[in-house]
C-alpha atoms as a PDB file:
ATOM      1  CA  UNK A   1       0.879  31.674 -13.262  1.00  0.00           C
ATOM      2  CA  UNK A   2       0.171  29.601  -9.881  1.00  0.00           C
ATOM      3  CA  UNK A   3       2.398  29.568  -7.432  1.00  0.00           C
ATOM      4  CA  UNK A   4       4.029  25.821  -7.632  1.00  0.00           C
ATOM      5  CA  UNK A   5       4.971  23.696  -4.991  1.00  0.00           C
ATOM      6  CA  UNK A   6       8.619  23.079  -6.625  1.00  0.00           C
ATOM      7  CA  UNK A   7       9.376  27.008  -7.075  1.00  0.00           C
ATOM      8  CA  UNK A   8      12.133  27.510  -4.489  1.00  0.00           C
ATOM      9  CA  UNK A   9      11.461  31.391  -3.502  1.00  0.00           C
ATOM     10  CA  UNK A  10       7.685  29.883  -3.059  1.00  0.00           C
ATOM     11  CA  UNK A  11       8.860  27.232  -1.558  1.00  0.00           C
ATOM     12  CA  UNK A  12      10.940  28.116   1.204  1.00  0.00           C
ATOM     13  CA  UNK A  13       7.354  30.431   2.329  1.00  0.00           C
ATOM     14  CA  UNK A  14       5.275  27.604   1.860  1.00  0.00           C
ATOM     15  CA  UNK A  15       4.933  25.203   4.602  1.00  0.00           C
ATOM     16  CA  UNK A  16       2.250  22.592   3.181  1.00  0.00           C
ATOM     17  CA  UNK A  17       4.760  22.743   0.234  1.00  0.00           C
ATOM     18  CA  UNK A  18       7.958  21.795   2.156  1.00  0.00           C
ATOM     19  CA  UNK A  19       5.595  18.219   3.309  1.00  0.00           C
ATOM     20  CA  UNK A  20       4.775  17.867  -0.406  1.00  0.00           C
ATOM     21  CA  UNK A  21       8.486  17.723  -1.394  1.00  0.00           C
ATOM     22  CA  UNK A  22       9.442  15.772   1.504  1.00  0.00           C
ATOM     23  CA  UNK A  23       6.414  13.148   0.218  1.00  0.00           C
ATOM     24  CA  UNK A  24       8.576  13.445  -2.726  1.00  0.00           C
ATOM     25  CA  UNK A  25      11.793  12.376  -1.756  1.00  0.00           C
ATOM     26  CA  UNK A  26      10.278   9.970   0.874  1.00  0.00           C
ATOM     27  CA  UNK A  27       8.894   7.952  -1.836  1.00  0.00           C
ATOM     28  CA  UNK A  28      11.846   8.669  -4.287  1.00  0.00           C
ATOM     29  CA  UNK A  29      14.104   6.622  -1.634  1.00  0.00           C
ATOM     30  CA  UNK A  30      11.285   4.067  -1.709  1.00  0.00           C
ATOM     31  CA  UNK A  31      11.612   3.318  -5.663  1.00  0.00           C
ATOM     32  CA  UNK A  32      15.528   3.058  -5.037  1.00  0.00           C
ATOM     33  CA  UNK A  33      15.936   0.917  -1.941  1.00  0.00           C
ATOM     34  CA  UNK A  34      12.961  -1.330  -4.963  1.00  0.00           C
ATOM     35  CA  UNK A  35      15.459  -1.166  -7.347  1.00  0.00           C
ATOM     36  CA  UNK A  36      18.006  -1.543  -5.948  1.00  0.00           C
ATOM     37  CA  UNK A  37      16.282  -5.354  -5.477  1.00  0.00           C
ATOM     38  CA  UNK A  38      14.703  -6.101  -8.024  1.00  0.00           C
ATOM     39  CA  UNK A  39      18.519  -5.960  -9.817  1.00  0.00           C
ATOM     40  CA  UNK A  40      19.860  -8.434  -7.157  1.00  0.00           C
ATOM     41  CA  UNK A  41      17.128 -10.914  -8.149  1.00  0.00           C
ATOM     42  CA  UNK A  42      16.007 -10.503 -11.437  1.00  0.00           C
ATOM     43  CA  UNK A  43      12.919  -9.202 -11.072  1.00  0.00           C
ATOM     44  CA  UNK A  44      10.935  -5.992 -12.660  1.00  0.00           C
ATOM     45  CA  UNK A  45      10.046  -3.729  -9.345  1.00  0.00           C
ATOM     46  CA  UNK A  46       5.959  -4.600  -9.910  1.00  0.00           C
ATOM     47  CA  UNK A  47       7.103  -7.699 -10.124  1.00  0.00           C
ATOM     48  CA  UNK A  48       8.452  -7.838  -7.055  1.00  0.00           C
ATOM     49  CA  UNK A  49       5.389  -5.904  -5.404  1.00  0.00           C
ATOM     50  CA  UNK A  50       3.178  -8.229  -6.366  1.00  0.00           C
ATOM     51  CA  UNK A  51       5.379 -11.130  -4.853  1.00  0.00           C
ATOM     52  CA  UNK A  52       5.012  -9.160  -1.425  1.00  0.00           C
ATOM     53  CA  UNK A  53       1.323  -8.316  -2.000  1.00  0.00           C
ATOM     54  CA  UNK A  54      -0.049 -11.773  -3.042  1.00  0.00           C
ATOM     55  CA  UNK A  55       2.470 -12.858   0.204  1.00  0.00           C
ATOM     56  CA  UNK A  56      -0.241 -11.520   2.823  1.00  0.00           C
ATOM     57  CA  UNK A  57      -3.596 -11.211   1.413  1.00  0.00           C
ATOM     58  CA  UNK A  58      -6.635 -12.859   1.004  1.00  0.00           C
ATOM     59  CA  UNK A  59      -7.594 -15.039  -2.598  1.00  0.00           C
ATOM     60  CA  UNK A  60      -9.978 -13.179  -2.474  1.00  0.00           C
ATOM     61  CA  UNK A  61      -7.211  -9.683  -3.015  1.00  0.00           C
ATOM     62  CA  UNK A  62      -4.693 -11.871  -5.879  1.00  0.00           C
ATOM     63  CA  UNK A  63      -6.935 -11.293  -8.833  1.00  0.00           C
ATOM     64  CA  UNK A  64      -5.427  -9.220 -11.539  1.00  0.00           C
ATOM     65  CA  UNK A  65      -8.044  -6.955 -11.870  1.00  0.00           C
ATOM     66  CA  UNK A  66      -7.774  -5.812  -8.752  1.00  0.00           C
ATOM     67  CA  UNK A  67      -3.563  -5.663  -8.234  1.00  0.00           C
ATOM     68  CA  UNK A  68      -5.085  -3.427 -11.366  1.00  0.00           C
ATOM     69  CA  UNK A  69      -5.846  -1.850  -8.985  1.00  0.00           C
ATOM     70  CA  UNK A  70      -3.906  -1.385  -5.465  1.00  0.00           C
ATOM     71  CA  UNK A  71      -1.148  -0.048  -7.606  1.00  0.00           C
ATOM     72  CA  UNK A  72      -2.530   2.251  -9.949  1.00  0.00           C
ATOM     73  CA  UNK A  73      -1.468  -0.191 -13.275  1.00  0.00           C
ATOM     74  CA  UNK A  74      -3.375  -1.730 -16.601  1.00  0.00           C
ATOM     75  CA  UNK A  75      -4.689  -4.441 -16.708  1.00  0.00           C
ATOM     76  CA  UNK A  76      -2.066  -5.713 -19.299  1.00  0.00           C
ATOM     77  CA  UNK A  77       0.439  -4.567 -17.293  1.00  0.00           C
ATOM     78  CA  UNK A  78      -0.133  -6.180 -14.155  1.00  0.00           C
ATOM     79  CA  UNK A  79      -1.386  -9.304 -15.689  1.00  0.00           C
ATOM     80  CA  UNK A  80       2.141  -9.199 -18.493  1.00  0.00           C
ATOM     81  CA  UNK A  81       3.912  -8.552 -15.470  1.00  0.00           C
ATOM     82  CA  UNK A  82       1.688 -12.499 -13.937  1.00  0.00           C
ATOM     83  CA  UNK A  83       2.807 -14.313 -17.261  1.00  0.00           C
ATOM     84  CA  UNK A  84       6.402 -13.334 -16.249  1.00  0.00           C
ATOM     85  CA  UNK A  85       6.535 -14.888 -12.675  1.00  0.00           C
ATOM     86  CA  UNK A  86       4.190 -18.103 -14.287  1.00  0.00           C
ATOM     87  CA  UNK A  87       7.094 -18.437 -16.219  1.00  0.00           C
ATOM     88  CA  UNK A  88       9.523 -17.885 -13.718  1.00  0.00           C
ATOM     89  CA  UNK A  89       7.165 -20.610 -11.425  1.00  0.00           C
ATOM     90  CA  UNK A  90       7.006 -17.886  -8.654  1.00  0.00           C
ATOM     91  CA  UNK A  91       3.394 -18.507  -9.328  1.00  0.00           C
ATOM     92  CA  UNK A  92       0.908 -20.918  -9.532  1.00  0.00           C
ATOM     93  CA  UNK A  93      -2.500 -19.630 -11.509  1.00  0.00           C
ATOM     94  CA  UNK A  94      -6.132 -20.957  -8.990  1.00  0.00           C
ATOM     95  CA  UNK A  95      -8.754 -21.329 -11.961  1.00  0.00           C
ATOM     96  CA  UNK A  96     -12.057 -19.826 -10.325  1.00  0.00           C
ATOM     97  CA  UNK A  97     -14.569 -20.283 -13.236  1.00  0.00           C
ATOM     98  CA  UNK A  98     -15.688 -23.016 -15.754  1.00  0.00           C
ATOM     99  CA  UNK A  99     -13.923 -21.149 -18.545  1.00  0.00           C
ATOM    100  CA  UNK A 100     -10.892 -20.021 -17.062  1.00  0.00           C
ATOM    101  CA  UNK A 101     -10.779 -16.958 -17.861  1.00  0.00           C
ATOM    102  CA  UNK A 102     -10.911 -15.719 -13.321  1.00  0.00           C
ATOM    103  CA  UNK A 103      -8.142 -16.337 -11.295  1.00  0.00           C
ATOM    104  CA  UNK A 104      -6.240 -16.084  -8.629  1.00  0.00           C
ATOM    105  CA  UNK A 105      -2.964 -15.894  -7.415  1.00  0.00           C
ATOM    106  CA  UNK A 106      -0.685 -17.412  -4.927  1.00  0.00           C
ATOM    107  CA  UNK A 107       2.505 -18.978  -4.882  1.00  0.00           C
ATOM    108  CA  UNK A 108       4.786 -21.610  -5.811  1.00  0.00           C
ATOM    109  CA  UNK A 109       7.765 -22.641  -3.280  1.00  0.00           C
ATOM    110  CA  UNK A 110       9.751 -20.067  -5.013  1.00  0.00           C
ATOM    111  CA  UNK A 111       8.137 -17.329  -5.534  1.00  0.00           C
ATOM    112  CA  UNK A 112       8.189 -18.034  -1.351  1.00  0.00           C
ATOM    113  CA  UNK A 113      11.251 -17.697  -1.247  1.00  0.00           C
ATOM    114  CA  UNK A 114      11.878 -14.480  -3.427  1.00  0.00           C
ATOM    115  CA  UNK A 115      10.099 -13.161  -0.963  1.00  0.00           C
ATOM    116  CA  UNK A 116      11.736 -13.661   1.976  1.00  0.00           C
ATOM    117  CA  UNK A 117      14.720 -12.595  -0.396  1.00  0.00           C
ATOM    118  CA  UNK A 118      13.773  -9.040  -1.223  1.00  0.00           C
ATOM    119  CA  UNK A 119      10.435  -8.005   0.916  1.00  0.00           C
ATOM    120  CA  UNK A 120      12.789  -6.227   4.046  1.00  0.00           C
ATOM    121  CA  UNK A 121      14.137  -3.732   1.283  1.00  0.00           C
ATOM    122  CA  UNK A 122      11.701  -1.060   3.226  1.00  0.00           C
ATOM    123  CA  UNK A 123      13.945  -1.695   6.627  1.00  0.00           C
ATOM    124  CA  UNK A 124      16.439   1.415   6.025  1.00  0.00           C
ATOM    125  CA  UNK A 125      13.495   3.700   6.112  1.00  0.00           C
ATOM    126  CA  UNK A 126      12.311   1.635   9.011  1.00  0.00           C
ATOM    127  CA  UNK A 127      15.859   2.001  11.490  1.00  0.00           C
ATOM    128  CA  UNK A 128      15.573   5.687  10.848  1.00  0.00           C
ATOM    129  CA  UNK A 129      11.510   5.743  12.249  1.00  0.00           C
ATOM    130  CA  UNK A 130      12.818   3.560  15.302  1.00  0.00           C
ATOM    131  CA  UNK A 131      15.174   7.275  16.189  1.00  0.00           C
ATOM    132  CA  UNK A 132      11.397   8.891  16.324  1.00  0.00           C
ATOM    133  CA  UNK A 133      10.172   8.484  20.238  1.00  0.00           C
ATOM    134  CA  UNK A 134       7.063   6.911  20.590  1.00  0.00           C
ATOM    135  CA  UNK A 135       4.659   9.940  20.612  1.00  0.00           C
ATOM    136  CA  UNK A 136       7.268  11.478  17.702  1.00  0.00           C
ATOM    137  CA  UNK A 137       5.772   7.567  15.733  1.00  0.00           C
ATOM    138  CA  UNK A 138       1.884   8.714  16.698  1.00  0.00           C
ATOM    139  CA  UNK A 139       1.572  12.022  15.974  1.00  0.00           C
ATOM    140  CA  UNK A 140       3.315  10.593  12.493  1.00  0.00           C
ATOM    141  CA  UNK A 141       0.659   7.634  11.981  1.00  0.00           C
ATOM    142  CA  UNK A 142      -2.107   9.494  12.413  1.00  0.00           C
ATOM    143  CA  UNK A 143      -1.109  12.447  10.318  1.00  0.00           C
ATOM    144  CA  UNK A 144       0.046  10.319   7.087  1.00  0.00           C
ATOM    145  CA  UNK A 145      -3.021   7.017   8.377  1.00  0.00           C
ATOM    146  CA  UNK A 146      -5.678  11.042   7.708  1.00  0.00           C
ATOM    147  CA  UNK A 147      -3.589  11.787   5.080  1.00  0.00           C
ATOM    148  CA  UNK A 148      -4.430   8.774   2.855  1.00  0.00           C
ATOM    149  CA  UNK A 149      -7.907   9.043   3.764  1.00  0.00           C
ATOM    150  CA  UNK A 150      -8.182  11.824   2.612  1.00  0.00           C
ATOM    151  CA  UNK A 151      -6.629  11.419  -0.881  1.00  0.00           C
ATOM    152  CA  UNK A 152      -9.069   8.562  -0.846  1.00  0.00           C
ATOM    153  CA  UNK A 153     -12.166  10.971  -0.454  1.00  0.00           C
ATOM    154  CA  UNK A 154     -10.898  12.552  -3.701  1.00  0.00           C
ATOM    155  CA  UNK A 155     -10.679   9.911  -5.345  1.00  0.00           C
ATOM    156  CA  UNK A 156      -6.729  10.203  -5.762  1.00  0.00           C
ATOM    157  CA  UNK A 157      -5.684   6.962  -3.807  1.00  0.00           C
ATOM    158  CA  UNK A 158      -8.790   3.917  -5.528  1.00  0.00           C
ATOM    159  CA  UNK A 159      -7.751   1.792  -2.837  1.00  0.00           C
ATOM    160  CA  UNK A 160      -7.144   1.215   1.057  1.00  0.00           C
ATOM    161  CA  UNK A 161      -8.138  -0.918   3.596  1.00  0.00           C
ATOM    162  CA  UNK A 162      -7.550   2.220   6.891  1.00  0.00           C
ATOM    163  CA  UNK A 163      -9.578   1.881   9.765  1.00  0.00           C
ATOM    164  CA  UNK A 164     -11.197   5.186   8.480  1.00  0.00           C
ATOM    165  CA  UNK A 165     -12.976   4.206   5.302  1.00  0.00           C
ATOM    166  CA  UNK A 166     -14.442   0.805   7.110  1.00  0.00           C
ATOM    167  CA  UNK A 167     -18.332  -0.087   8.200  1.00  0.00           C
ATOM    168  CA  UNK A 168     -17.415  -0.840  11.399  1.00  0.00           C
ATOM    169  CA  UNK A 169     -15.397   1.837  12.224  1.00  0.00           C
ATOM    170  CA  UNK A 170     -16.855   4.520  14.532  1.00  0.00           C
ATOM    171  CA  UNK A 171     -15.593   7.935  15.560  1.00  0.00           C
ATOM    172  CA  UNK A 172     -16.393   9.889  18.914  1.00  0.00           C
ATOM    173  CA  UNK A 173     -15.417  12.971  20.147  1.00  0.00           C
ATOM    174  CA  UNK A 174     -12.738  12.135  21.771  1.00  0.00           C
ATOM    175  CA  UNK A 175     -12.072   8.455  21.017  1.00  0.00           C
ATOM    176  CA  UNK A 176     -12.286   6.013  17.990  1.00  0.00           C
ATOM    177  CA  UNK A 177     -13.956   3.186  18.241  1.00  0.00           C
ATOM    178  CA  UNK A 178     -14.412  -0.623  15.944  1.00  0.00           C
ATOM    179  CA  UNK A 179     -17.651  -2.368  16.494  1.00  0.00           C
ATOM    180  CA  UNK A 180     -16.471  -5.707  14.711  1.00  0.00           C
ATOM    181  CA  UNK A 181     -13.204  -6.092  17.070  1.00  0.00           C
ATOM    182  CA  UNK A 182     -15.992  -4.248  20.019  1.00  0.00           C
ATOM    183  CA  UNK A 183     -12.786  -2.125  21.420  1.00  0.00           C
ATOM    184  CA  UNK A 184     -12.057   1.349  21.270  1.00  0.00           C
ATOM    185  CA  UNK A 185      -8.766   1.986  19.178  1.00  0.00           C
ATOM    186  CA  UNK A 186      -5.846   4.727  20.061  1.00  0.00           C
ATOM    187  CA  UNK A 187      -4.057   5.797  17.054  1.00  0.00           C
ATOM    188  CA  UNK A 188      -1.168   2.808  17.486  1.00  0.00           C
ATOM    189  CA  UNK A 189      -4.192   0.909  16.814  1.00  0.00           C
ATOM    190  CA  UNK A 190      -5.067   2.247  13.653  1.00  0.00           C
ATOM    191  CA  UNK A 191      -4.944   0.237  10.883  1.00  0.00           C
ATOM    192  CA  UNK A 192      -3.323   1.544   7.412  1.00  0.00           C
ATOM    193  CA  UNK A 193      -4.576  -2.433   5.724  1.00  0.00           C
ATOM    194  CA  UNK A 194      -6.293  -4.602   7.050  1.00  0.00           C
ATOM    195  CA  UNK A 195      -8.112  -8.289   6.982  1.00  0.00           C
ATOM    196  CA  UNK A 196     -11.565  -7.380   8.257  1.00  0.00           C
ATOM    197  CA  UNK A 197     -11.798  -4.488   6.401  1.00  0.00           C
ATOM    198  CA  UNK A 198     -15.173  -3.622   4.618  1.00  0.00           C
ATOM    199  CA  UNK A 199     -16.083  -0.441   2.780  1.00  0.00           C
ATOM    200  CA  UNK A 200     -18.732   1.492   4.342  1.00  0.00           C
ATOM    201  CA  UNK A 201     -20.973   2.674   1.945  1.00  0.00           C
ATOM    202  CA  UNK A 202     -21.207   6.121   0.024  1.00  0.00           C
ATOM    203  CA  UNK A 203     -24.381   8.732   1.206  1.00  0.00           C
ATOM    204  CA  UNK A 204     -25.152  10.214  -2.346  1.00  0.00           C
END
């Protein structure tokens, strides 16, 4: 039998297993915080995530098809969540085709109010990160952005808009560079969700 990261006797001796378990604990905290806020306003976690996403992203990303990829869920699941949000008068469906089957989502004033009430649910995590010094935060960000990029390349994360996967990004010998804004990038300049992101062409 292969050694499992959940096998405590193995885990204690393996650094990568400890990191994976640590990430799992952090994801659990995120999930719990989201659920607590969801209960206060009568929405499900995915409905809250959809509202927050729509509030800060361009209309081309606010479709059922893209939201399904964004949150790694099926289109019917996202469609059901959207129907509930529409029924609760928190979103508009903006038709983009004559047959009315294609649309993007935008927020109603009621939806915007819900976002302001829930979007700070993850602040307890940020509060703890403020105890890290600047170098520690920069190192952690570098590790996270690299891990996300590698998971995306492996096909585990389907959508990501970080600099490393963008066609404007260029990796130099000792630095990173953005061809769009024509600027060298520090580790802290690397974005996890860039509105100007354009996926680089894949090499086969």
